[in-house]
Amino acid sequence: MASAVLDLGIDLNIWPWVWLSVGVFFAVVELTVLAGSFVLLPFAVSAFVASLLGFYDVAIEIQWAAFIGGGALLWILLYRRVMKFAGENELAPGVGADRLIGMTAIVTATIDPDDTERKGRVKVEGEIWSALTDGHVKIAEGTKVRVTEMHGTRVKVEALASPPMNTPPSGPPLSQPNSNPQQGEQP
């Protein structure tokens, strides 16, 4: 009864070719569409095994078990291996370009918020990096900034202090009211 359901009305001599076609199809999809992500590869391998079983006239139930069970088992084993590999190869905090986040830098070329020509530069830890800003104001050369995040090969910064003044002050400093009452009193 189970073989009548599992054979799907296809002649048993055709099943090896069906499995072979499924295996080739899954392998091609894996290599082209999924770009080697190994999602369908275990099932492609299990389809090839089911095809071999079909060529040796093994029962259709065993072919289906080899395809579904073998594919699932291979997928689980591959997933565990990939997760173990991924866990071993994580970058430690502060390694790579992300180590720059939170550091102070000096602007070496003015950073414009609408920087379409990518001219903004900062120097951080002795390295020159392309920079951009979220602010709406240009950050002048010589300004201290803090790196807030990485954007590919560019750092995103925010100003820490006001830009250096290039012109002398136009007048005297504002006088502050006398905050010490004893200075203004006469004995």
C-alpha atoms as a PDB file:
ATOM      1  CA  MET A   1       0.000   0.000   0.000  1.00  0.00           C
ATOM      2  CA  ALA A   2       2.803   2.448   0.890  1.00  0.00           C
ATOM      3  CA  SER A   3       4.630   1.735  -2.352  1.00  0.00           C
ATOM      4  CA  ALA A   4       1.466   2.616  -4.314  1.00  0.00           C
ATOM      5  CA  VAL A   5       1.426   6.039  -2.638  1.00  0.00           C
ATOM      6  CA  LEU A   6       5.166   6.663  -2.845  1.00  0.00           C
ATOM      7  CA  ASP A   7       5.591   5.697  -6.487  1.00  0.00           C
ATOM      8  CA  LEU A   8       3.207   8.519  -7.512  1.00  0.00           C
ATOM      9  CA  GLY A   9       1.999   6.426 -10.448  1.00  0.00           C
ATOM     10  CA  ILE A  10       5.436   6.530 -12.076  1.00  0.00           C
ATOM     11  CA  ASP A  11       6.921   3.329 -13.459  1.00  0.00           C
ATOM     12  CA  LEU A  12       9.526   1.953 -11.033  1.00  0.00           C
ATOM     13  CA  ASN A  13      12.100   1.792 -13.850  1.00  0.00           C
ATOM     14  CA  ILE A  14      11.801   5.568 -14.296  1.00  0.00           C
ATOM     15  CA  TRP A  15      12.491   6.471 -10.633  1.00  0.00           C
ATOM     16  CA  PRO A  16      16.300   6.296 -10.864  1.00  0.00           C
ATOM     17  CA  TRP A  17      16.140   8.899 -13.623  1.00  0.00           C
ATOM     18  CA  VAL A  18      13.716  11.031 -11.585  1.00  0.00           C
ATOM     19  CA  TRP A  19      16.118  10.980  -8.623  1.00  0.00           C
ATOM     20  CA  LEU A  20      19.040  11.767 -10.900  1.00  0.00           C
ATOM     21  CA  SER A  21      17.125  14.711 -12.391  1.00  0.00           C
ATOM     22  CA  VAL A  22      16.187  15.987  -8.928  1.00  0.00           C
ATOM     23  CA  GLY A  23      19.817  15.716  -7.809  1.00  0.00           C
ATOM     24  CA  VAL A  24      21.120  17.612 -10.842  1.00  0.00           C
ATOM     25  CA  PHE A  25      18.381  20.250 -10.494  1.00  0.00           C
ATOM     26  CA  PHE A  26      19.147  20.811  -6.776  1.00  0.00           C
ATOM     27  CA  ALA A  27      22.894  20.968  -7.467  1.00  0.00           C
ATOM     28  CA  VAL A  28      22.435  23.522 -10.268  1.00  0.00           C
ATOM     29  CA  VAL A  29      20.107  25.662  -8.141  1.00  0.00           C
ATOM     30  CA  GLU A  30      22.564  25.447  -5.245  1.00  0.00           C
ATOM     31  CA  LEU A  31      25.488  26.582  -7.369  1.00  0.00           C
ATOM     32  CA  THR A  32      23.712  29.295  -9.367  1.00  0.00           C
ATOM     33  CA  VAL A  33      20.789  30.754  -7.465  1.00  0.00           C
ATOM     34  CA  LEU A  34      21.821  30.087  -3.870  1.00  0.00           C
ATOM     35  CA  ALA A  35      25.494  30.845  -4.530  1.00  0.00           C
ATOM     36  CA  GLY A  36      26.909  27.933  -2.602  1.00  0.00           C
ATOM     37  CA  SER A  37      24.978  28.487   0.634  1.00  0.00           C
ATOM     38  CA  PHE A  38      24.684  24.673   1.050  1.00  0.00           C
ATOM     39  CA  VAL A  39      20.921  24.698   1.619  1.00  0.00           C
ATOM     40  CA  LEU A  40      20.006  22.241  -1.162  1.00  0.00           C
ATOM     41  CA  LEU A  41      23.354  20.461  -1.453  1.00  0.00           C
ATOM     42  CA  PRO A  42      22.530  17.760   1.152  1.00  0.00           C
ATOM     43  CA  PHE A  43      19.310  16.958  -0.696  1.00  0.00           C
ATOM     44  CA  ALA A  44      21.128  16.883  -4.025  1.00  0.00           C
ATOM     45  CA  VAL A  45      23.530  14.321  -2.566  1.00  0.00           C
ATOM     46  CA  SER A  46      20.668  12.276  -1.101  1.00  0.00           C
ATOM     47  CA  ALA A  47      18.863  12.369  -4.481  1.00  0.00           C
ATOM     48  CA  PHE A  48      21.987  10.931  -6.125  1.00  0.00           C
ATOM     49  CA  VAL A  49      22.055   8.172  -3.471  1.00  0.00           C
ATOM     50  CA  ALA A  50      18.358   7.463  -4.085  1.00  0.00           C
ATOM     51  CA  SER A  51      19.126   7.301  -7.804  1.00  0.00           C
ATOM     52  CA  LEU A  52      21.829   4.698  -7.213  1.00  0.00           C
ATOM     53  CA  LEU A  53      19.420   2.697  -5.051  1.00  0.00           C
ATOM     54  CA  GLY A  54      16.851   2.891  -7.853  1.00  0.00           C
ATOM     55  CA  PHE A  55      19.314   1.585 -10.415  1.00  0.00           C
ATOM     56  CA  TYR A  56      19.870  -1.435  -8.112  1.00  0.00           C
ATOM     57  CA  ASP A  57      16.090  -2.070  -7.894  1.00  0.00           C
ATOM     58  CA  VAL A  58      15.826  -1.227  -4.185  1.00  0.00           C
ATOM     59  CA  ALA A  59      12.252  -0.688  -2.948  1.00  0.00           C
ATOM     60  CA  ILE A  60      10.744   2.766  -3.553  1.00  0.00           C
ATOM     61  CA  GLU A  61      10.162   3.201   0.212  1.00  0.00           C
ATOM     62  CA  ILE A  62      13.906   2.914   0.847  1.00  0.00           C
ATOM     63  CA  GLN A  63      14.647   5.346  -2.002  1.00  0.00           C
ATOM     64  CA  TRP A  64      12.303   7.915  -0.447  1.00  0.00           C
ATOM     65  CA  ALA A  65      13.809   7.294   3.005  1.00  0.00           C
ATOM     66  CA  ALA A  66      17.306   7.780   1.596  1.00  0.00           C
ATOM     67  CA  PHE A  67      16.239  11.016  -0.102  1.00  0.00           C
ATOM     68  CA  ILE A  68      14.320  12.610   2.797  1.00  0.00           C
ATOM     69  CA  GLY A  69      16.104  11.096   5.784  1.00  0.00           C
ATOM     70  CA  GLY A  70      19.573  11.236   4.234  1.00  0.00           C
ATOM     71  CA  GLY A  71      19.083  14.822   3.063  1.00  0.00           C
ATOM     72  CA  ALA A  72      17.815  15.912   6.474  1.00  0.00           C
ATOM     73  CA  LEU A  73      20.652  14.134   8.276  1.00  0.00           C
ATOM     74  CA  LEU A  74      23.293  15.659   5.971  1.00  0.00           C
ATOM     75  CA  TRP A  75      21.681  19.090   6.349  1.00  0.00           C
ATOM     76  CA  ILE A  76      21.784  18.860  10.163  1.00  0.00           C
ATOM     77  CA  LEU A  77      25.408  17.661  10.170  1.00  0.00           C
ATOM     78  CA  LEU A  78      26.433  20.424   7.756  1.00  0.00           C
ATOM     79  CA  TYR A  79      24.554  23.043   9.789  1.00  0.00           C
ATOM     80  CA  ARG A  80      26.305  21.969  13.000  1.00  0.00           C
ATOM     81  CA  ARG A  81      29.699  22.079  11.296  1.00  0.00           C
ATOM     82  CA  VAL A  82      29.039  25.523   9.841  1.00  0.00           C
ATOM     83  CA  MET A  83      27.859  26.901  13.204  1.00  0.00           C
ATOM     84  CA  LYS A  84      30.931  25.474  14.938  1.00  0.00           C
ATOM     85  CA  PHE A  85      33.173  27.003  12.280  1.00  0.00           C
ATOM     86  CA  ALA A  86      31.367  30.350  12.475  1.00  0.00           C
ATOM     87  CA  GLY A  87      31.686  30.410  16.266  1.00  0.00           C
ATOM     88  CA  GLU A  88      35.428  29.724  16.134  1.00  0.00           C
ATOM     89  CA  ASN A  89      36.112  32.438  13.569  1.00  0.00           C
ATOM     90  CA  GLU A  90      34.316  35.437  15.026  1.00  0.00           C
ATOM     91  CA  LEU A  91      36.416  38.554  15.350  1.00  0.00           C
ATOM     92  CA  ALA A  92      37.207  39.492  18.891  1.00  0.00           C
ATOM     93  CA  PRO A  93      35.783  42.825  20.028  1.00  0.00           C
ATOM     94  CA  GLY A  94      38.064  45.657  19.028  1.00  0.00           C
ATOM     95  CA  VAL A  95      39.547  43.815  16.062  1.00  0.00           C
ATOM     96  CA  GLY A  96      39.335  45.087  12.511  1.00  0.00           C
ATOM     97  CA  ALA A  97      37.870  48.413  11.509  1.00  0.00           C
ATOM     98  CA  ASP A  98      35.218  48.237  14.252  1.00  0.00           C
ATOM     99  CA  ARG A  99      37.950  48.933  16.787  1.00  0.00           C
ATOM    100  CA  LEU A 100      37.754  52.590  15.736  1.00  0.00           C
ATOM    101  CA  ILE A 101      34.217  53.085  17.048  1.00  0.00           C
ATOM    102  CA  GLY A 102      34.308  55.463  20.008  1.00  0.00           C
ATOM    103  CA  MET A 103      37.824  56.740  19.308  1.00  0.00           C
ATOM    104  CA  THR A 104      38.711  60.397  18.899  1.00  0.00           C
ATOM    105  CA  ALA A 105      39.999  61.581  15.543  1.00  0.00           C
ATOM    106  CA  ILE A 106      41.175  64.822  13.935  1.00  0.00           C
ATOM    107  CA  VAL A 107      39.627  66.048  10.688  1.00  0.00           C
ATOM    108  CA  THR A 108      42.349  66.355   8.026  1.00  0.00           C
ATOM    109  CA  ALA A 109      40.045  67.359   5.136  1.00  0.00           C
ATOM    110  CA  THR A 110      36.734  69.166   5.656  1.00  0.00           C
ATOM    111  CA  ILE A 111      33.750  66.827   5.959  1.00  0.00           C
ATOM    112  CA  ASP A 112      30.645  68.001   4.136  1.00  0.00           C
ATOM    113  CA  PRO A 113      27.279  66.358   4.976  1.00  0.00           C
ATOM    114  CA  ASP A 114      26.490  66.335   1.246  1.00  0.00           C
ATOM    115  CA  ASP A 115      29.886  64.831   0.394  1.00  0.00           C
ATOM    116  CA  THR A 116      29.256  63.303  -3.017  1.00  0.00           C
ATOM    117  CA  GLU A 117      32.943  63.444  -3.952  1.00  0.00           C
ATOM    118  CA  ARG A 118      34.089  61.603  -0.799  1.00  0.00           C
ATOM    119  CA  LYS A 119      36.709  64.177   0.129  1.00  0.00           C
ATOM    120  CA  GLY A 120      36.192  64.183   3.918  1.00  0.00           C
ATOM    121  CA  ARG A 121      39.090  62.618   5.846  1.00  0.00           C
ATOM    122  CA  VAL A 122      40.026  62.016   9.468  1.00  0.00           C
ATOM    123  CA  LYS A 123      43.165  60.780  11.148  1.00  0.00           C
ATOM    124  CA  VAL A 124      42.643  58.244  13.898  1.00  0.00           C
ATOM    125  CA  GLU A 125      45.380  56.179  15.547  1.00  0.00           C
ATOM    126  CA  GLY A 126      47.822  57.371  12.870  1.00  0.00           C
ATOM    127  CA  GLU A 127      45.614  56.138  10.013  1.00  0.00           C
ATOM    128  CA  ILE A 128      43.791  58.315   7.487  1.00  0.00           C
ATOM    129  CA  TRP A 129      40.165  57.290   6.884  1.00  0.00           C
ATOM    130  CA  SER A 130      37.440  58.604   4.577  1.00  0.00           C
ATOM    131  CA  ALA A 131      34.742  60.150   6.722  1.00  0.00           C
ATOM    132  CA  LEU A 132      31.143  61.223   6.608  1.00  0.00           C
ATOM    133  CA  THR A 133      28.764  62.862   9.043  1.00  0.00           C
ATOM    134  CA  ASP A 134      25.067  62.750   9.863  1.00  0.00           C
ATOM    135  CA  GLY A 135      25.088  66.385  10.896  1.00  0.00           C
ATOM    136  CA  HIS A 136      23.855  69.264   8.784  1.00  0.00           C
ATOM    137  CA  VAL A 137      26.991  71.368   9.250  1.00  0.00           C
ATOM    138  CA  LYS A 138      30.404  71.029   7.648  1.00  0.00           C
ATOM    139  CA  ILE A 139      33.108  69.855  10.000  1.00  0.00           C
ATOM    140  CA  ALA A 140      36.210  71.948   9.414  1.00  0.00           C
ATOM    141  CA  GLU A 141      39.789  70.741   9.199  1.00  0.00           C
ATOM    142  CA  GLY A 142      41.446  70.474  12.619  1.00  0.00           C
ATOM    143  CA  THR A 143      38.199  69.701  14.505  1.00  0.00           C
ATOM    144  CA  LYS A 144      38.198  66.867  17.014  1.00  0.00           C
ATOM    145  CA  VAL A 145      35.554  64.262  16.244  1.00  0.00           C
ATOM    146  CA  ARG A 146      34.410  60.936  17.641  1.00  0.00           C
ATOM    147  CA  VAL A 147      33.920  57.879  15.404  1.00  0.00           C
ATOM    148  CA  THR A 148      30.339  56.648  15.839  1.00  0.00           C
ATOM    149  CA  GLU A 149      30.131  53.801  13.321  1.00  0.00           C
ATOM    150  CA  MET A 150      31.665  52.178  10.281  1.00  0.00           C
ATOM    151  CA  HIS A 151      30.098  52.518   6.838  1.00  0.00           C
ATOM    152  CA  GLY A 152      32.020  50.094   4.644  1.00  0.00           C
ATOM    153  CA  THR A 153      35.480  51.650   4.342  1.00  0.00           C
ATOM    154  CA  ARG A 154      34.368  55.018   5.686  1.00  0.00           C
ATOM    155  CA  VAL A 155      33.936  56.160   9.276  1.00  0.00           C
ATOM    156  CA  LYS A 156      30.910  58.120  10.413  1.00  0.00           C
ATOM    157  CA  VAL A 157      31.865  60.880  12.859  1.00  0.00           C
ATOM    158  CA  GLU A 158      30.340  63.561  15.048  1.00  0.00           C
ATOM    159  CA  ALA A 159      32.057  66.757  16.177  1.00  0.00           C
ATOM    160  CA  LEU A 160      33.307  66.917  19.775  1.00  0.00           C
ATOM    161  CA  ALA A 161      34.313  70.564  19.939  1.00  0.00           C
ATOM    162  CA  SER A 162      33.561  73.678  17.962  1.00  0.00           C
ATOM    163  CA  PRO A 163      35.728  74.141  14.872  1.00  0.00           C
ATOM    164  CA  PRO A 164      38.874  76.224  15.300  1.00  0.00           C
ATOM    165  CA  MET A 165      38.431  79.916  14.704  1.00  0.00           C
ATOM    166  CA  ASN A 166      40.273  81.190  11.639  1.00  0.00           C
ATOM    167  CA  THR A 167      39.511  84.867  12.281  1.00  0.00           C
ATOM    168  CA  PRO A 168      40.286  86.894  15.402  1.00  0.00           C
ATOM    169  CA  PRO A 169      37.387  87.939  17.623  1.00  0.00           C
ATOM    170  CA  SER A 170      35.617  91.102  16.470  1.00  0.00           C
ATOM    171  CA  GLY A 171      35.244  92.686  19.903  1.00  0.00           C
ATOM    172  CA  PRO A 172      36.020  92.405  23.599  1.00  0.00           C
ATOM    173  CA  PRO A 173      34.730  89.414  25.512  1.00  0.00           C
ATOM    174  CA  LEU A 174      31.361  89.855  27.147  1.00  0.00           C
ATOM    175  CA  SER A 175      31.709  91.149  30.659  1.00  0.00           C
ATOM    176  CA  GLN A 176      30.172  89.004  33.323  1.00  0.00           C
ATOM    177  CA  PRO A 177      28.311  90.578  36.249  1.00  0.00           C
ATOM    178  CA  ASN A 178      30.287  90.530  39.456  1.00  0.00           C
ATOM    179  CA  SER A 179      29.422  87.282  41.146  1.00  0.00           C
ATOM    180  CA  ASN A 180      31.585  87.916  44.246  1.00  0.00           C
ATOM    181  CA  PRO A 181      29.705  90.332  46.535  1.00  0.00           C
ATOM    182  CA  GLN A 182      32.715  90.986  48.776  1.00  0.00           C
ATOM    183  CA  GLN A 183      34.732  92.516  45.963  1.00  0.00           C
ATOM    184  CA  GLY A 184      32.131  95.186  45.290  1.00  0.00           C
ATOM    185  CA  GLU A 185      31.612  96.137  48.980  1.00  0.00           C
ATOM    186  CA  GLN A 186      33.451  98.961  50.679  1.00  0.00           C
ATOM    187  CA  PRO A 187      34.348  98.681  54.357  1.00  0.00           C
END
